[in-house]
Amino acid sequence: MAVTLALAGDTMLGRCVAQRLATAPPAALVDEPVAALLRGADFTLLNLECCVSERGEPWPAPGKPFFFRAPPVAVKTLTHLGVDCVTLANNHALDFGYEALLDTLELVRSAGIVVLGAGRHVREARAPTEVLVKGVRLGLVAFADHPADFAAGRDRPGTAYADLERGVPAWLTDQVAALARTCDAVLVTPHWGPNMTPGPVRTVREAANALLAAGATLIAGHSAHVPHGVRVAEDGRAVLYDLGDFLDDYAVDARLRNDLGLVFLVTLDAGRVTRIEAVPLYLDFCFTRLATGADADWMRRRFHDACASMGTVVTERDGRLVITPP
């Protein structure tokens, strides 16, 4: 049975996005054609790059520049988009402390959305999940390689942290291997590498190799704020090194164009990635819509080049960027 996953990158519903939610309905943040892409998939996952709460104080980390907190109503944006799963393994889950993270877990889960990568303690934060999607058993794992002070502890809420400078930890490869034995496919979604990089850094590339070797079918990363290229293995597995941004109020880098992004539609069949489609997006300050004209052309050129550097061929069909693994 073939299933289609919709994968969106960093989704930040705080700060100016939260201010917009004070006067606009949750459905007003994403244009309907984009929302329809996500709702039309069999399973939709994104990186929720904020906490969702009305409580807490900014995390007391020296030099930390940004703190993102969304109001509880922001969860309705996720349900409007048909989101089935979010990862909180990122560098903003604890922006407003333990109380706000616990509120986030409760609010998102009570909306029927699976949460990965964060929890009330390290066991919950690291816990993998199995979901059944149209009869296909899909294993899910999430982690972040920064920041270390957000790491969950034995009795402390936080994220599933892995220091990739020291290599991929055994707990992580063991989880992937165990899921590969019981599931039809395994999706790993890491928040890895530095911001604003045009391609994956060494630690990310090495970690991807280790996760594939452990049994991952699909790796979908985020953190750079711009989409990276896709690597396709001969055995039908794939690495989407960075999904880029999906919704935010971030300042725009004129060279890397983080106001442009992609939403990925990945088809899995018989434990293999059989098709990857990427649809160009324009992030218009607290509002995401399909990219058009010169913006769409820019994103298409960049994605072609990024994939070509990894030996991956991209074709185009009906405005979508298409990768068909061998």
C-alpha atoms as a PDB file:
ATOM      1  CA  MET A   1       0.000   0.000   0.000  1.00  0.00           C
ATOM      2  CA  ALA A   2       1.427   3.389  -1.015  1.00  0.00           C
ATOM      3  CA  VAL A   3       1.138   6.300   1.420  1.00  0.00           C
ATOM      4  CA  THR A   4       2.027   9.962   0.985  1.00  0.00           C
ATOM      5  CA  LEU A   5       3.703  11.992   3.713  1.00  0.00           C
ATOM      6  CA  ALA A   6       3.586  15.805   3.748  1.00  0.00           C
ATOM      7  CA  LEU A   7       6.688  17.244   5.403  1.00  0.00           C
ATOM      8  CA  ALA A   8       6.988  20.911   6.363  1.00  0.00           C
ATOM      9  CA  GLY A   9       9.935  22.572   8.045  1.00  0.00           C
ATOM     10  CA  ASP A  10      10.309  25.119  10.823  1.00  0.00           C
ATOM     11  CA  THR A  11       6.900  26.448  11.839  1.00  0.00           C
ATOM     12  CA  MET A  12       7.057  29.344  14.292  1.00  0.00           C
ATOM     13  CA  LEU A  13       3.715  30.539  15.658  1.00  0.00           C
ATOM     14  CA  GLY A  14       4.978  33.053  18.224  1.00  0.00           C
ATOM     15  CA  ARG A  15       6.069  36.684  18.214  1.00  0.00           C
ATOM     16  CA  CYS A  16       4.493  38.555  15.236  1.00  0.00           C
ATOM     17  CA  VAL A  17       2.633  35.425  14.118  1.00  0.00           C
ATOM     18  CA  ALA A  18       1.042  35.294  17.573  1.00  0.00           C
ATOM     19  CA  GLN A  19       0.130  38.974  17.283  1.00  0.00           C
ATOM     20  CA  ARG A  20      -1.633  38.258  14.009  1.00  0.00           C
ATOM     21  CA  LEU A  21      -3.575  35.454  15.661  1.00  0.00           C
ATOM     22  CA  ALA A  22      -4.991  38.041  18.065  1.00  0.00           C
ATOM     23  CA  THR A  23      -7.038  39.552  15.224  1.00  0.00           C
ATOM     24  CA  ALA A  24      -7.112  36.893  12.492  1.00  0.00           C
ATOM     25  CA  PRO A  25      -8.478  33.336  12.536  1.00  0.00           C
ATOM     26  CA  PRO A  26      -5.942  30.480  12.711  1.00  0.00           C
ATOM     27  CA  ALA A  27      -6.749  29.533   9.108  1.00  0.00           C
ATOM     28  CA  ALA A  28      -5.498  32.949   7.938  1.00  0.00           C
ATOM     29  CA  LEU A  29      -1.810  32.113   8.382  1.00  0.00           C
ATOM     30  CA  VAL A  30      -1.515  29.730   5.410  1.00  0.00           C
ATOM     31  CA  ASP A  31      -3.082  30.220   2.003  1.00  0.00           C
ATOM     32  CA  GLU A  32      -5.688  27.603   1.167  1.00  0.00           C
ATOM     33  CA  PRO A  33      -3.805  25.955  -1.750  1.00  0.00           C
ATOM     34  CA  VAL A  34      -0.869  25.297   0.590  1.00  0.00           C
ATOM     35  CA  ALA A  35      -3.132  24.090   3.387  1.00  0.00           C
ATOM     36  CA  ALA A  36      -4.830  21.738   0.930  1.00  0.00           C
ATOM     37  CA  LEU A  37      -1.465  20.154   0.055  1.00  0.00           C
ATOM     38  CA  LEU A  38      -0.897  19.250   3.698  1.00  0.00           C
ATOM     39  CA  ARG A  39      -4.446  18.086   4.349  1.00  0.00           C
ATOM     40  CA  GLY A  40      -4.390  15.977   1.184  1.00  0.00           C
ATOM     41  CA  ALA A  41      -1.525  13.797   2.408  1.00  0.00           C
ATOM     42  CA  ASP A  42      -2.047  10.573   4.327  1.00  0.00           C
ATOM     43  CA  PHE A  43       0.228  11.788   7.140  1.00  0.00           C
ATOM     44  CA  THR A  44       1.533  15.311   7.813  1.00  0.00           C
ATOM     45  CA  LEU A  45       4.491  16.235  10.010  1.00  0.00           C
ATOM     46  CA  LEU A  46       6.214  19.533  10.769  1.00  0.00           C
ATOM     47  CA  ASN A  47       8.762  21.019  13.146  1.00  0.00           C
ATOM     48  CA  LEU A  48       6.938  23.195  15.694  1.00  0.00           C
ATOM     49  CA  GLU A  49       9.595  25.782  16.457  1.00  0.00           C
ATOM     50  CA  CYS A  50       8.024  27.363  19.535  1.00  0.00           C
ATOM     51  CA  CYS A  51       6.216  26.503  22.719  1.00  0.00           C
ATOM     52  CA  VAL A  52       2.442  26.900  22.993  1.00  0.00           C
ATOM     53  CA  SER A  53       1.475  28.375  26.328  1.00  0.00           C
ATOM     54  CA  GLU A  54       0.439  31.451  28.301  1.00  0.00           C
ATOM     55  CA  ARG A  55       2.888  30.681  31.088  1.00  0.00           C
ATOM     56  CA  GLY A  56       6.613  30.771  31.713  1.00  0.00           C
ATOM     57  CA  GLU A  57       9.584  33.103  31.675  1.00  0.00           C
ATOM     58  CA  PRO A  58      12.330  33.399  29.036  1.00  0.00           C
ATOM     59  CA  TRP A  59      14.955  30.667  29.333  1.00  0.00           C
ATOM     60  CA  PRO A  60      17.941  32.080  31.298  1.00  0.00           C
ATOM     61  CA  ALA A  61      20.688  31.265  28.809  1.00  0.00           C
ATOM     62  CA  PRO A  62      23.356  33.970  28.400  1.00  0.00           C
ATOM     63  CA  GLY A  63      23.313  35.416  24.901  1.00  0.00           C
ATOM     64  CA  LYS A  64      20.155  33.617  23.746  1.00  0.00           C
ATOM     65  CA  PRO A  65      18.635  36.108  21.276  1.00  0.00           C
ATOM     66  CA  PHE A  66      15.169  34.761  20.420  1.00  0.00           C
ATOM     67  CA  PHE A  67      12.250  33.451  22.461  1.00  0.00           C
ATOM     68  CA  PHE A  68       9.164  32.075  20.709  1.00  0.00           C
ATOM     69  CA  ARG A  69       5.846  31.410  22.437  1.00  0.00           C
ATOM     70  CA  ALA A  70       2.510  30.910  20.689  1.00  0.00           C
ATOM     71  CA  PRO A  71      -0.933  31.313  22.288  1.00  0.00           C
ATOM     72  CA  PRO A  72      -3.072  28.200  22.809  1.00  0.00           C
ATOM     73  CA  VAL A  73      -5.295  29.171  19.859  1.00  0.00           C
ATOM     74  CA  ALA A  74      -2.303  28.489  17.584  1.00  0.00           C
ATOM     75  CA  VAL A  75      -3.036  24.768  17.907  1.00  0.00           C
ATOM     76  CA  LYS A  76      -6.082  25.402  15.708  1.00  0.00           C
ATOM     77  CA  THR A  77      -3.721  26.345  12.888  1.00  0.00           C
ATOM     78  CA  LEU A  78      -2.149  22.903  13.170  1.00  0.00           C
ATOM     79  CA  THR A  79      -5.510  21.146  13.101  1.00  0.00           C
ATOM     80  CA  HIS A  80      -6.662  23.321  10.175  1.00  0.00           C
ATOM     81  CA  LEU A  81      -3.579  22.155   8.260  1.00  0.00           C
ATOM     82  CA  GLY A  82      -4.343  18.521   9.032  1.00  0.00           C
ATOM     83  CA  VAL A  83      -1.112  18.064  10.990  1.00  0.00           C
ATOM     84  CA  ASP A  84      -0.816  14.561  12.410  1.00  0.00           C
ATOM     85  CA  CYS A  85       2.545  14.892  14.142  1.00  0.00           C
ATOM     86  CA  VAL A  86       4.940  17.606  15.314  1.00  0.00           C
ATOM     87  CA  THR A  87       8.487  17.387  16.545  1.00  0.00           C
ATOM     88  CA  LEU A  88       9.516  19.578  19.463  1.00  0.00           C
ATOM     89  CA  ALA A  89      13.132  18.454  19.350  1.00  0.00           C
ATOM     90  CA  ASN A  90      14.524  21.893  18.568  1.00  0.00           C
ATOM     91  CA  ASN A  91      16.155  24.964  20.083  1.00  0.00           C
ATOM     92  CA  HIS A  92      12.894  26.745  20.961  1.00  0.00           C
ATOM     93  CA  ALA A  93      10.876  24.093  22.808  1.00  0.00           C
ATOM     94  CA  LEU A  94      12.065  25.417  26.186  1.00  0.00           C
ATOM     95  CA  ASP A  95      12.119  29.105  25.292  1.00  0.00           C
ATOM     96  CA  PHE A  96       9.748  29.847  28.174  1.00  0.00           C
ATOM     97  CA  GLY A  97      10.831  27.119  30.545  1.00  0.00           C
ATOM     98  CA  TYR A  98       9.482  23.845  31.824  1.00  0.00           C
ATOM     99  CA  GLU A  99       5.896  25.011  32.484  1.00  0.00           C
ATOM    100  CA  ALA A 100       5.460  26.242  28.928  1.00  0.00           C
ATOM    101  CA  LEU A 101       6.853  23.013  27.484  1.00  0.00           C
ATOM    102  CA  LEU A 102       4.473  20.944  29.618  1.00  0.00           C
ATOM    103  CA  ASP A 103       1.581  23.128  28.434  1.00  0.00           C
ATOM    104  CA  THR A 104       2.689  22.571  24.833  1.00  0.00           C
ATOM    105  CA  LEU A 105       2.701  18.816  25.263  1.00  0.00           C
ATOM    106  CA  GLU A 106      -0.791  18.865  26.748  1.00  0.00           C
ATOM    107  CA  LEU A 107      -2.323  21.308  24.260  1.00  0.00           C
ATOM    108  CA  VAL A 108      -0.920  19.629  21.150  1.00  0.00           C
ATOM    109  CA  ARG A 109      -1.724  16.093  22.299  1.00  0.00           C
ATOM    110  CA  SER A 110      -5.251  17.054  23.325  1.00  0.00           C
ATOM    111  CA  ALA A 111      -5.790  18.158  19.721  1.00  0.00           C
ATOM    112  CA  GLY A 112      -5.053  14.581  18.615  1.00  0.00           C
ATOM    113  CA  ILE A 113      -1.563  15.381  17.306  1.00  0.00           C
ATOM    114  CA  VAL A 114       1.398  13.100  18.002  1.00  0.00           C
ATOM    115  CA  VAL A 115       4.368  14.806  19.680  1.00  0.00           C
ATOM    116  CA  LEU A 116       7.951  13.674  19.122  1.00  0.00           C
ATOM    117  CA  GLY A 117      11.309  14.720  20.506  1.00  0.00           C
ATOM    118  CA  ALA A 118      10.363  16.319  23.830  1.00  0.00           C
ATOM    119  CA  GLY A 119       8.785  15.170  27.058  1.00  0.00           C
ATOM    120  CA  ARG A 120       8.436  15.339  30.810  1.00  0.00           C
ATOM    121  CA  HIS A 121      11.672  13.391  31.233  1.00  0.00           C
ATOM    122  CA  VAL A 122      14.365  11.856  29.082  1.00  0.00           C
ATOM    123  CA  ARG A 123      12.516   8.567  28.558  1.00  0.00           C
ATOM    124  CA  GLU A 124       9.499  10.354  27.129  1.00  0.00           C
ATOM    125  CA  ALA A 125      11.566  12.840  25.113  1.00  0.00           C
ATOM    126  CA  ARG A 126      13.530  10.086  23.388  1.00  0.00           C
ATOM    127  CA  ALA A 127      10.612   7.705  22.972  1.00  0.00           C
ATOM    128  CA  PRO A 128       9.970   6.597  19.374  1.00  0.00           C
ATOM    129  CA  THR A 129       6.438   6.236  18.092  1.00  0.00           C
ATOM    130  CA  GLU A 130       4.710   3.858  15.718  1.00  0.00           C
ATOM    131  CA  VAL A 131       1.651   4.972  13.759  1.00  0.00           C
ATOM    132  CA  LEU A 132      -0.569   3.105  11.329  1.00  0.00           C
ATOM    133  CA  VAL A 133      -1.162   5.015   8.096  1.00  0.00           C
ATOM    134  CA  LYS A 134      -3.553   3.286   5.664  1.00  0.00           C
ATOM    135  CA  GLY A 135      -2.325  -0.071   6.905  1.00  0.00           C
ATOM    136  CA  VAL A 136       1.357   0.911   6.715  1.00  0.00           C
ATOM    137  CA  ARG A 137       3.224   0.809  10.025  1.00  0.00           C
ATOM    138  CA  LEU A 138       5.443   3.891  10.192  1.00  0.00           C
ATOM    139  CA  GLY A 139       8.117   4.321  12.859  1.00  0.00           C
ATOM    140  CA  LEU A 140       8.960   7.864  13.963  1.00  0.00           C
ATOM    141  CA  VAL A 141      12.050   9.213  15.738  1.00  0.00           C
ATOM    142  CA  ALA A 142      13.068  12.820  16.488  1.00  0.00           C
ATOM    143  CA  PHE A 143      16.096  14.446  18.091  1.00  0.00           C
ATOM    144  CA  ALA A 144      18.041  17.711  18.158  1.00  0.00           C
ATOM    145  CA  ASP A 145      21.783  18.329  18.224  1.00  0.00           C
ATOM    146  CA  HIS A 146      21.398  21.705  19.968  1.00  0.00           C
ATOM    147  CA  PRO A 147      21.186  23.208  22.517  1.00  0.00           C
ATOM    148  CA  ALA A 148      22.646  20.968  25.190  1.00  0.00           C
ATOM    149  CA  ASP A 149      20.929  22.853  28.024  1.00  0.00           C
ATOM    150  CA  PHE A 150      17.496  21.883  26.603  1.00  0.00           C
ATOM    151  CA  ALA A 151      18.248  18.175  27.033  1.00  0.00           C
ATOM    152  CA  ALA A 152      15.666  16.295  29.074  1.00  0.00           C
ATOM    153  CA  GLY A 153      16.911  14.610  32.223  1.00  0.00           C
ATOM    154  CA  ARG A 154      15.787  11.747  34.409  1.00  0.00           C
ATOM    155  CA  ASP A 155      13.389  14.059  36.261  1.00  0.00           C
ATOM    156  CA  ARG A 156      13.559  17.163  34.059  1.00  0.00           C
ATOM    157  CA  PRO A 157      11.455  18.093  31.008  1.00  0.00           C
ATOM    158  CA  GLY A 158      13.281  18.826  27.792  1.00  0.00           C
ATOM    159  CA  THR A 159      14.250  17.567  24.362  1.00  0.00           C
ATOM    160  CA  ALA A 160      15.824  14.416  22.928  1.00  0.00           C
ATOM    161  CA  TYR A 161      19.377  15.729  22.637  1.00  0.00           C
ATOM    162  CA  ALA A 162      22.220  14.089  20.719  1.00  0.00           C
ATOM    163  CA  ASP A 163      25.691  15.630  20.558  1.00  0.00           C
ATOM    164  CA  LEU A 164      26.580  14.848  16.952  1.00  0.00           C
ATOM    165  CA  GLU A 165      30.120  16.170  17.410  1.00  0.00           C
ATOM    166  CA  ARG A 166      30.648  12.934  19.332  1.00  0.00           C
ATOM    167  CA  GLY A 167      28.810  10.857  16.755  1.00  0.00           C
ATOM    168  CA  VAL A 168      25.303   9.420  16.754  1.00  0.00           C
ATOM    169  CA  PRO A 169      24.622   7.944  20.218  1.00  0.00           C
ATOM    170  CA  ALA A 170      23.786   4.275  20.623  1.00  0.00           C
ATOM    171  CA  TRP A 171      20.345   4.998  22.086  1.00  0.00           C
ATOM    172  CA  LEU A 172      19.398   6.646  18.810  1.00  0.00           C
ATOM    173  CA  THR A 173      20.743   4.045  16.375  1.00  0.00           C
ATOM    174  CA  ASP A 174      19.295   1.289  18.587  1.00  0.00           C
ATOM    175  CA  GLN A 175      15.846   2.926  18.370  1.00  0.00           C
ATOM    176  CA  VAL A 176      16.031   3.174  14.594  1.00  0.00           C
ATOM    177  CA  ALA A 177      17.195  -0.432  14.285  1.00  0.00           C
ATOM    178  CA  ALA A 178      14.398  -1.664  16.553  1.00  0.00           C
ATOM    179  CA  LEU A 179      11.770   0.217  14.552  1.00  0.00           C
ATOM    180  CA  ALA A 180      13.194  -1.116  11.293  1.00  0.00           C
ATOM    181  CA  ARG A 181      12.509  -4.641  12.555  1.00  0.00           C
ATOM    182  CA  THR A 182       8.859  -3.980  13.411  1.00  0.00           C
ATOM    183  CA  CYS A 183       7.751  -1.269  10.962  1.00  0.00           C
ATOM    184  CA  ASP A 184       7.263  -1.049   7.217  1.00  0.00           C
ATOM    185  CA  ALA A 185       9.232   2.219   7.106  1.00  0.00           C
ATOM    186  CA  VAL A 186      11.134   4.451   9.553  1.00  0.00           C
ATOM    187  CA  LEU A 187      11.130   8.262   9.423  1.00  0.00           C
ATOM    188  CA  VAL A 188      13.778  10.143  11.403  1.00  0.00           C
ATOM    189  CA  THR A 189      13.314  13.902  11.773  1.00  0.00           C
ATOM    190  CA  PRO A 190      16.344  15.674  13.291  1.00  0.00           C
ATOM    191  CA  HIS A 191      16.883  19.322  14.122  1.00  0.00           C
ATOM    192  CA  TRP A 192      20.543  19.449  13.203  1.00  0.00           C
ATOM    193  CA  GLY A 193      23.305  21.721  12.050  1.00  0.00           C
ATOM    194  CA  PRO A 194      23.663  25.517  12.232  1.00  0.00           C
ATOM    195  CA  ASN A 195      21.276  28.152  10.922  1.00  0.00           C
ATOM    196  CA  MET A 196      21.607  29.786   7.515  1.00  0.00           C
ATOM    197  CA  THR A 197      23.852  27.293   5.755  1.00  0.00           C
ATOM    198  CA  PRO A 198      23.445  26.470   2.042  1.00  0.00           C
ATOM    199  CA  GLY A 199      24.144  22.745   2.531  1.00  0.00           C
ATOM    200  CA  PRO A 200      24.633  20.066   5.194  1.00  0.00           C
ATOM    201  CA  VAL A 201      27.725  20.339   7.398  1.00  0.00           C
ATOM    202  CA  ARG A 202      30.045  17.420   8.160  1.00  0.00           C
ATOM    203  CA  THR A 203      28.315  16.295  11.366  1.00  0.00           C
ATOM    204  CA  VAL A 204      24.957  16.206   9.594  1.00  0.00           C
ATOM    205  CA  ARG A 205      26.280  14.178   6.659  1.00  0.00           C
ATOM    206  CA  GLU A 206      27.991  11.701   8.981  1.00  0.00           C
ATOM    207  CA  ALA A 207      24.889  11.360  11.146  1.00  0.00           C
ATOM    208  CA  ALA A 208      22.746  10.725   8.080  1.00  0.00           C
ATOM    209  CA  ASN A 209      25.058   7.874   7.081  1.00  0.00           C
ATOM    210  CA  ALA A 210      24.796   6.338  10.547  1.00  0.00           C
ATOM    211  CA  LEU A 211      21.008   6.615  10.628  1.00  0.00           C
ATOM    212  CA  LEU A 212      20.659   5.037   7.189  1.00  0.00           C
ATOM    213  CA  ALA A 213      22.964   2.233   8.267  1.00  0.00           C
ATOM    214  CA  ALA A 214      20.787   1.677  11.340  1.00  0.00           C
ATOM    215  CA  GLY A 215      17.699   1.216   9.156  1.00  0.00           C
ATOM    216  CA  ALA A 216      16.103   4.619   8.518  1.00  0.00           C
ATOM    217  CA  THR A 217      13.946   4.713   5.375  1.00  0.00           C
ATOM    218  CA  LEU A 218      13.584   8.480   5.230  1.00  0.00           C
ATOM    219  CA  ILE A 219      15.421  11.274   7.044  1.00  0.00           C
ATOM    220  CA  ALA A 220      13.822  14.727   7.044  1.00  0.00           C
ATOM    221  CA  GLY A 221      15.932  17.363   8.772  1.00  0.00           C
ATOM    222  CA  HIS A 222      15.517  21.018   9.661  1.00  0.00           C
ATOM    223  CA  SER A 223      17.374  23.905  11.330  1.00  0.00           C
ATOM    224  CA  ALA A 224      19.125  25.739   8.477  1.00  0.00           C
ATOM    225  CA  HIS A 225      16.014  27.833   7.618  1.00  0.00           C
ATOM    226  CA  VAL A 226      16.600  27.113   3.918  1.00  0.00           C
ATOM    227  CA  PRO A 227      15.946  23.875   2.003  1.00  0.00           C
ATOM    228  CA  HIS A 228      18.960  21.705   1.244  1.00  0.00           C
ATOM    229  CA  GLY A 229      19.395  19.054  -1.412  1.00  0.00           C
ATOM    230  CA  VAL A 230      18.050  15.515  -1.377  1.00  0.00           C
ATOM    231  CA  ARG A 231      20.230  12.423  -1.405  1.00  0.00           C
ATOM    232  CA  VAL A 232      18.707   9.228  -2.753  1.00  0.00           C
ATOM    233  CA  ALA A 233      20.183   5.791  -2.070  1.00  0.00           C
ATOM    234  CA  GLU A 234      19.967   2.929  -4.561  1.00  0.00           C
ATOM    235  CA  ASP A 235      17.895   0.853  -2.136  1.00  0.00           C
ATOM    236  CA  GLY A 236      15.009   3.323  -2.146  1.00  0.00           C
ATOM    237  CA  ARG A 237      15.892   5.350   0.923  1.00  0.00           C
ATOM    238  CA  ALA A 238      16.358   9.100   0.998  1.00  0.00           C
ATOM    239  CA  VAL A 239      17.738  12.000   3.028  1.00  0.00           C
ATOM    240  CA  LEU A 240      16.017  15.376   2.895  1.00  0.00           C
ATOM    241  CA  TYR A 241      18.824  17.207   4.641  1.00  0.00           C
ATOM    242  CA  ASP A 242      16.765  20.291   5.445  1.00  0.00           C
ATOM    243  CA  LEU A 243      13.103  21.072   4.843  1.00  0.00           C
ATOM    244  CA  GLY A 244      13.649  24.823   5.252  1.00  0.00           C
ATOM    245  CA  ASP A 245      11.053  27.121   6.828  1.00  0.00           C
ATOM    246  CA  PHE A 246       7.285  26.870   6.526  1.00  0.00           C
ATOM    247  CA  LEU A 247       5.783  29.762   8.525  1.00  0.00           C
ATOM    248  CA  ASP A 248       7.446  32.554  10.530  1.00  0.00           C
ATOM    249  CA  ASP A 249       8.227  36.253  10.887  1.00  0.00           C
ATOM    250  CA  TYR A 250      11.995  35.969  10.412  1.00  0.00           C
ATOM    251  CA  ALA A 251      14.325  38.550   8.892  1.00  0.00           C
ATOM    252  CA  VAL A 252      15.263  37.623   5.320  1.00  0.00           C
ATOM    253  CA  ASP A 253      18.794  36.863   4.167  1.00  0.00           C
ATOM    254  CA  ALA A 254      19.103  38.368   0.677  1.00  0.00           C
ATOM    255  CA  ARG A 255      21.557  35.678  -0.473  1.00  0.00           C
ATOM    256  CA  LEU A 256      19.956  32.517   0.932  1.00  0.00           C
ATOM    257  CA  ARG A 257      16.347  33.712   0.549  1.00  0.00           C
ATOM    258  CA  ASN A 258      14.857  32.103   3.641  1.00  0.00           C
ATOM    259  CA  ASP A 259      11.585  33.737   2.599  1.00  0.00           C
ATOM    260  CA  LEU A 260      11.343  30.934   0.038  1.00  0.00           C
ATOM    261  CA  GLY A 261      10.761  27.344   0.993  1.00  0.00           C
ATOM    262  CA  LEU A 262       9.399  23.972  -0.042  1.00  0.00           C
ATOM    263  CA  VAL A 263       6.736  21.622   1.187  1.00  0.00           C
ATOM    264  CA  PHE A 264       7.666  18.006   0.458  1.00  0.00           C
ATOM    265  CA  LEU A 265       5.292  15.217  -0.516  1.00  0.00           C
ATOM    266  CA  VAL A 266       7.007  11.835  -0.147  1.00  0.00           C
ATOM    267  CA  THR A 267       5.452   8.591  -1.342  1.00  0.00           C
ATOM    268  CA  LEU A 268       6.363   5.368   0.449  1.00  0.00           C
ATOM    269  CA  ASP A 269       5.532   1.994  -1.044  1.00  0.00           C
ATOM    270  CA  ALA A 270       6.708  -1.443   0.086  1.00  0.00           C
ATOM    271  CA  GLY A 271       9.203   0.080   2.490  1.00  0.00           C
ATOM    272  CA  ARG A 272      10.808   2.295  -0.163  1.00  0.00           C
ATOM    273  CA  VAL A 273      10.696   5.944  -1.105  1.00  0.00           C
ATOM    274  CA  THR A 274       9.209   5.825  -4.602  1.00  0.00           C
ATOM    275  CA  ARG A 275       8.591   9.510  -5.287  1.00  0.00           C
ATOM    276  CA  ILE A 276       9.477  12.891  -3.818  1.00  0.00           C
ATOM    277  CA  GLU A 277       7.676  16.067  -4.857  1.00  0.00           C
ATOM    278  CA  ALA A 278       8.662  19.534  -3.659  1.00  0.00           C
ATOM    279  CA  VAL A 279       6.340  22.512  -4.043  1.00  0.00           C
ATOM    280  CA  PRO A 280       7.880  26.027  -3.856  1.00  0.00           C
ATOM    281  CA  LEU A 281       6.554  28.349  -1.147  1.00  0.00           C
ATOM    282  CA  TYR A 282       6.750  32.060  -0.444  1.00  0.00           C
ATOM    283  CA  LEU A 283       6.856  33.071   3.247  1.00  0.00           C
ATOM    284  CA  ASP A 284       5.253  36.493   3.223  1.00  0.00           C
ATOM    285  CA  PHE A 285       5.810  37.557   6.885  1.00  0.00           C
ATOM    286  CA  CYS A 286       3.343  35.571   9.004  1.00  0.00           C
ATOM    287  CA  PHE A 287       1.599  34.232   5.908  1.00  0.00           C
ATOM    288  CA  THR A 288       2.663  31.369   3.641  1.00  0.00           C
ATOM    289  CA  ARG A 289       1.477  30.920   0.072  1.00  0.00           C
ATOM    290  CA  LEU A 290       2.615  29.188  -3.098  1.00  0.00           C
ATOM    291  CA  ALA A 291       5.616  30.847  -4.746  1.00  0.00           C
ATOM    292  CA  THR A 292       5.023  32.267  -8.210  1.00  0.00           C
ATOM    293  CA  GLY A 293       6.958  33.978 -10.990  1.00  0.00           C
ATOM    294  CA  ALA A 294      10.587  34.904 -10.290  1.00  0.00           C
ATOM    295  CA  ASP A 295      10.358  33.621  -6.700  1.00  0.00           C
ATOM    296  CA  ALA A 296       9.318  30.147  -7.834  1.00  0.00           C
ATOM    297  CA  ASP A 297      12.010  30.193 -10.525  1.00  0.00           C
ATOM    298  CA  TRP A 298      14.683  31.075  -7.938  1.00  0.00           C
ATOM    299  CA  MET A 299      13.612  28.234  -5.640  1.00  0.00           C
ATOM    300  CA  ARG A 300      13.531  25.750  -8.494  1.00  0.00           C
ATOM    301  CA  ARG A 301      17.049  26.690  -9.628  1.00  0.00           C
ATOM    302  CA  ARG A 302      18.421  26.466  -6.130  1.00  0.00           C
ATOM    303  CA  PHE A 303      16.838  23.072  -5.481  1.00  0.00           C
ATOM    304  CA  HIS A 304      18.053  21.697  -8.807  1.00  0.00           C
ATOM    305  CA  ASP A 305      21.609  22.811  -7.992  1.00  0.00           C
ATOM    306  CA  ALA A 306      21.517  21.541  -4.399  1.00  0.00           C
ATOM    307  CA  CYS A 307      20.286  18.114  -5.494  1.00  0.00           C
ATOM    308  CA  ALA A 308      22.720  17.917  -8.425  1.00  0.00           C
ATOM    309  CA  SER A 309      25.604  18.363  -5.982  1.00  0.00           C
ATOM    310  CA  MET A 310      24.444  15.110  -4.362  1.00  0.00           C
ATOM    311  CA  GLY A 311      23.995  13.251  -7.648  1.00  0.00           C
ATOM    312  CA  THR A 312      20.204  13.524  -7.520  1.00  0.00           C
ATOM    313  CA  VAL A 313      18.245  14.309 -10.682  1.00  0.00           C
ATOM    314  CA  VAL A 314      15.237  16.614 -10.385  1.00  0.00           C
ATOM    315  CA  THR A 315      12.552  16.880 -13.051  1.00  0.00           C
ATOM    316  CA  GLU A 316       9.527  19.166 -13.160  1.00  0.00           C
ATOM    317  CA  ARG A 317       5.868  18.453 -13.629  1.00  0.00           C
ATOM    318  CA  ASP A 318       2.913  20.805 -13.179  1.00  0.00           C
ATOM    319  CA  GLY A 319       5.013  23.289 -11.212  1.00  0.00           C
ATOM    320  CA  ARG A 320       6.368  20.645  -8.851  1.00  0.00           C
ATOM    321  CA  LEU A 321       9.955  19.480  -8.464  1.00  0.00           C
ATOM    322  CA  VAL A 322      10.021  15.702  -8.765  1.00  0.00           C
ATOM    323  CA  ILE A 323      12.581  13.103  -7.705  1.00  0.00           C
ATOM    324  CA  THR A 324      12.032   9.471  -8.655  1.00  0.00           C
ATOM    325  CA  PRO A 325      14.441   7.160  -6.821  1.00  0.00           C
ATOM    326  CA  PRO A 326      15.938   4.287  -8.882  1.00  0.00           C
END
